[in-house]
């Protein structure tokens, strides 16, 4: 998902440089949405991983 976000960000930059403002703003909006979805999924995965961590036996 982060790769898609980066791809849309690059498309937005290229479109802005070439003067396509509408396409650039749309691509930047999509990149923002995908990045925030990635952050939410990463945080959820991190929390679940910490909760399900392996417990060691004491000697």
N, C-alpha and C. Protein backbone atom coordinates (compact mmCIF):
# COMPACT_ATOMS: atom_id res chain seq x y z
N UNK A 1 0.82 -1.18 0.00
CA UNK A 1 0.00 0.00 0.00
C UNK A 1 0.87 1.25 0.00
N UNK A 2 1.98 1.19 0.70
CA UNK A 2 2.88 2.33 0.71
C UNK A 2 3.48 2.55 -0.67
N UNK A 3 3.68 1.49 -1.41
CA UNK A 3 4.20 1.60 -2.77
C UNK A 3 3.21 2.32 -3.68
N UNK A 4 1.91 2.02 -3.52
CA UNK A 4 0.89 2.70 -4.32
C UNK A 4 0.85 4.18 -3.97
N UNK A 5 0.97 4.48 -2.68
CA UNK A 5 0.96 5.87 -2.24
C UNK A 5 2.14 6.63 -2.84
N UNK A 6 3.30 6.03 -2.83
CA UNK A 6 4.49 6.65 -3.42
C UNK A 6 4.33 6.84 -4.92
N UNK A 7 3.72 5.88 -5.59
CA UNK A 7 3.48 5.98 -7.02
C UNK A 7 2.57 7.14 -7.37
N UNK A 8 1.47 7.30 -6.62
CA UNK A 8 0.57 8.41 -6.87
C UNK A 8 1.23 9.75 -6.53
N UNK A 9 2.10 9.76 -5.54
CA UNK A 9 2.83 10.98 -5.20
C UNK A 9 3.75 11.40 -6.34
N UNK A 10 4.44 10.44 -6.93
CA UNK A 10 5.32 10.73 -8.07
C UNK A 10 4.51 11.21 -9.27
N UNK A 11 3.36 10.58 -9.50
CA UNK A 11 2.49 11.03 -10.59
C UNK A 11 2.03 12.46 -10.34
N UNK A 12 1.71 12.79 -9.10
CA UNK A 12 1.28 14.15 -8.76
C UNK A 12 2.39 15.16 -9.03
N UNK A 13 3.60 14.82 -8.65
CA UNK A 13 4.72 15.73 -8.88
C UNK A 13 4.96 15.94 -10.37
N UNK A 14 4.96 14.85 -11.13
CA UNK A 14 5.18 14.97 -12.57
C UNK A 14 4.06 15.76 -13.25
N UNK A 15 2.83 15.52 -12.85
CA UNK A 15 1.71 16.24 -13.43
C UNK A 15 1.78 17.73 -13.09
N UNK A 16 2.20 18.04 -11.87
CA UNK A 16 2.33 19.45 -11.47
C UNK A 16 3.43 20.14 -12.27
N UNK A 17 4.52 19.44 -12.49
CA UNK A 17 5.62 20.03 -13.27
C UNK A 17 5.21 20.28 -14.71
N UNK A 18 4.35 19.44 -15.24
CA UNK A 18 3.92 19.58 -16.63
C UNK A 18 2.70 20.49 -16.76
N UNK A 19 2.17 20.98 -15.65
CA UNK A 19 1.08 21.95 -15.71
C UNK A 19 -0.32 21.37 -15.66
N UNK A 20 -0.46 20.12 -15.32
CA UNK A 20 -1.78 19.50 -15.21
C UNK A 20 -2.24 19.58 -13.75
N UNK A 21 -2.81 20.71 -13.38
CA UNK A 21 -3.17 20.95 -11.98
C UNK A 21 -4.25 20.03 -11.45
N UNK A 22 -5.27 19.74 -12.26
CA UNK A 22 -6.35 18.89 -11.81
C UNK A 22 -5.90 17.46 -11.55
N UNK A 23 -5.11 16.95 -12.46
CA UNK A 23 -4.60 15.59 -12.29
C UNK A 23 -3.65 15.53 -11.10
N UNK A 24 -2.84 16.56 -10.93
CA UNK A 24 -1.89 16.59 -9.82
C UNK A 24 -2.61 16.61 -8.48
N UNK A 25 -3.64 17.41 -8.37
CA UNK A 25 -4.36 17.47 -7.08
C UNK A 25 -5.11 16.18 -6.80
N UNK A 26 -5.65 15.56 -7.84
CA UNK A 26 -6.34 14.28 -7.65
C UNK A 26 -5.36 13.19 -7.22
N UNK A 27 -4.22 13.13 -7.87
CA UNK A 27 -3.21 12.12 -7.52
C UNK A 27 -2.67 12.36 -6.12
N UNK A 28 -2.48 13.62 -5.75
CA UNK A 28 -1.99 13.92 -4.40
C UNK A 28 -3.04 13.54 -3.36
N UNK A 29 -4.31 13.75 -3.65
CA UNK A 29 -5.37 13.36 -2.72
C UNK A 29 -5.42 11.85 -2.54
N UNK A 30 -5.29 11.12 -3.63
CA UNK A 30 -5.28 9.66 -3.55
C UNK A 30 -4.07 9.19 -2.75
N UNK A 31 -2.92 9.82 -2.98
CA UNK A 31 -1.70 9.44 -2.25
C UNK A 31 -1.87 9.68 -0.75
N UNK A 32 -2.49 10.79 -0.38
CA UNK A 32 -2.73 11.07 1.05
C UNK A 32 -3.63 10.02 1.67
N UNK A 33 -4.71 9.69 0.99
CA UNK A 33 -5.66 8.70 1.52
C UNK A 33 -4.98 7.35 1.70
N UNK A 34 -4.23 6.91 0.69
CA UNK A 34 -3.55 5.62 0.79
C UNK A 34 -2.50 5.63 1.89
N UNK A 35 -1.80 6.75 2.07
CA UNK A 35 -0.79 6.83 3.11
C UNK A 35 -1.42 6.73 4.50
N UNK A 36 -2.55 7.41 4.72
CA UNK A 36 -3.19 7.33 6.03
C UNK A 36 -3.79 5.95 6.28
N UNK A 37 -4.30 5.30 5.25
CA UNK A 37 -4.77 3.92 5.42
C UNK A 37 -3.60 3.02 5.80
N UNK A 38 -2.45 3.24 5.15
CA UNK A 38 -1.25 2.47 5.50
C UNK A 38 -0.87 2.69 6.95
N UNK A 39 -0.90 3.93 7.41
CA UNK A 39 -0.53 4.22 8.79
C UNK A 39 -1.47 3.53 9.79
N UNK A 40 -2.76 3.55 9.51
CA UNK A 40 -3.73 2.91 10.40
C UNK A 40 -3.50 1.40 10.43
N UNK A 41 -3.30 0.79 9.27
CA UNK A 41 -3.07 -0.66 9.23
C UNK A 41 -1.75 -1.03 9.90
N UNK A 42 -0.71 -0.19 9.73
CA UNK A 42 0.57 -0.45 10.37
C UNK A 42 0.43 -0.38 11.89
N UNK A 43 -0.26 0.64 12.38
CA UNK A 43 -0.44 0.79 13.82
C UNK A 43 -1.24 -0.38 14.40
N UNK A 44 -2.29 -0.78 13.70
CA UNK A 44 -3.09 -1.92 14.17
C UNK A 44 -2.26 -3.20 14.18
N UNK A 45 -1.48 -3.40 13.17
CA UNK A 45 -0.62 -4.58 13.10
C UNK A 45 0.41 -4.57 14.22
N UNK A 46 0.97 -3.40 14.51
CA UNK A 46 1.96 -3.29 15.57
C UNK A 46 1.35 -3.60 16.93
N UNK A 47 0.16 -3.06 17.20
CA UNK A 47 -0.50 -3.29 18.48
C UNK A 47 -0.86 -4.76 18.64
N UNK A 48 -1.41 -5.37 17.61
CA UNK A 48 -1.77 -6.79 17.69
C UNK A 48 -0.52 -7.65 17.86
N UNK A 49 0.55 -7.29 17.19
CA UNK A 49 1.80 -8.03 17.34
C UNK A 49 2.37 -7.93 18.75
N UNK A 50 2.23 -6.75 19.36
CA UNK A 50 2.71 -6.59 20.73
C UNK A 50 1.86 -7.38 21.71
N UNK A 51 0.56 -7.47 21.46
CA UNK A 51 -0.33 -8.21 22.35
C UNK A 51 -0.12 -9.71 22.23
N UNK A 52 0.19 -10.17 21.03
CA UNK A 52 0.33 -11.61 20.80
C UNK A 52 1.78 -12.06 20.88
N UNK A 53 2.67 -11.23 21.38
CA UNK A 53 4.08 -11.55 21.48
C UNK A 53 4.33 -12.84 22.25
N UNK A 54 5.44 -13.48 21.94
CA UNK A 54 5.76 -14.73 22.62
C UNK A 54 6.20 -14.43 24.06
N UNK A 55 5.68 -15.21 24.98
CA UNK A 55 6.05 -15.05 26.37
C UNK A 55 7.13 -16.08 26.72
N UNK A 56 8.15 -15.62 27.39
CA UNK A 56 9.24 -16.52 27.74
C UNK A 56 8.99 -17.15 29.10
N UNK A 57 9.48 -18.35 29.26
CA UNK A 57 9.36 -19.02 30.55
C UNK A 57 10.52 -18.60 31.45
N UNK A 58 10.21 -18.37 32.69
CA UNK A 58 11.28 -18.02 33.62
C UNK A 58 12.00 -19.29 34.06
N UNK A 59 13.31 -19.17 34.27
CA UNK A 59 14.10 -20.33 34.67
C UNK A 59 14.03 -20.53 36.11
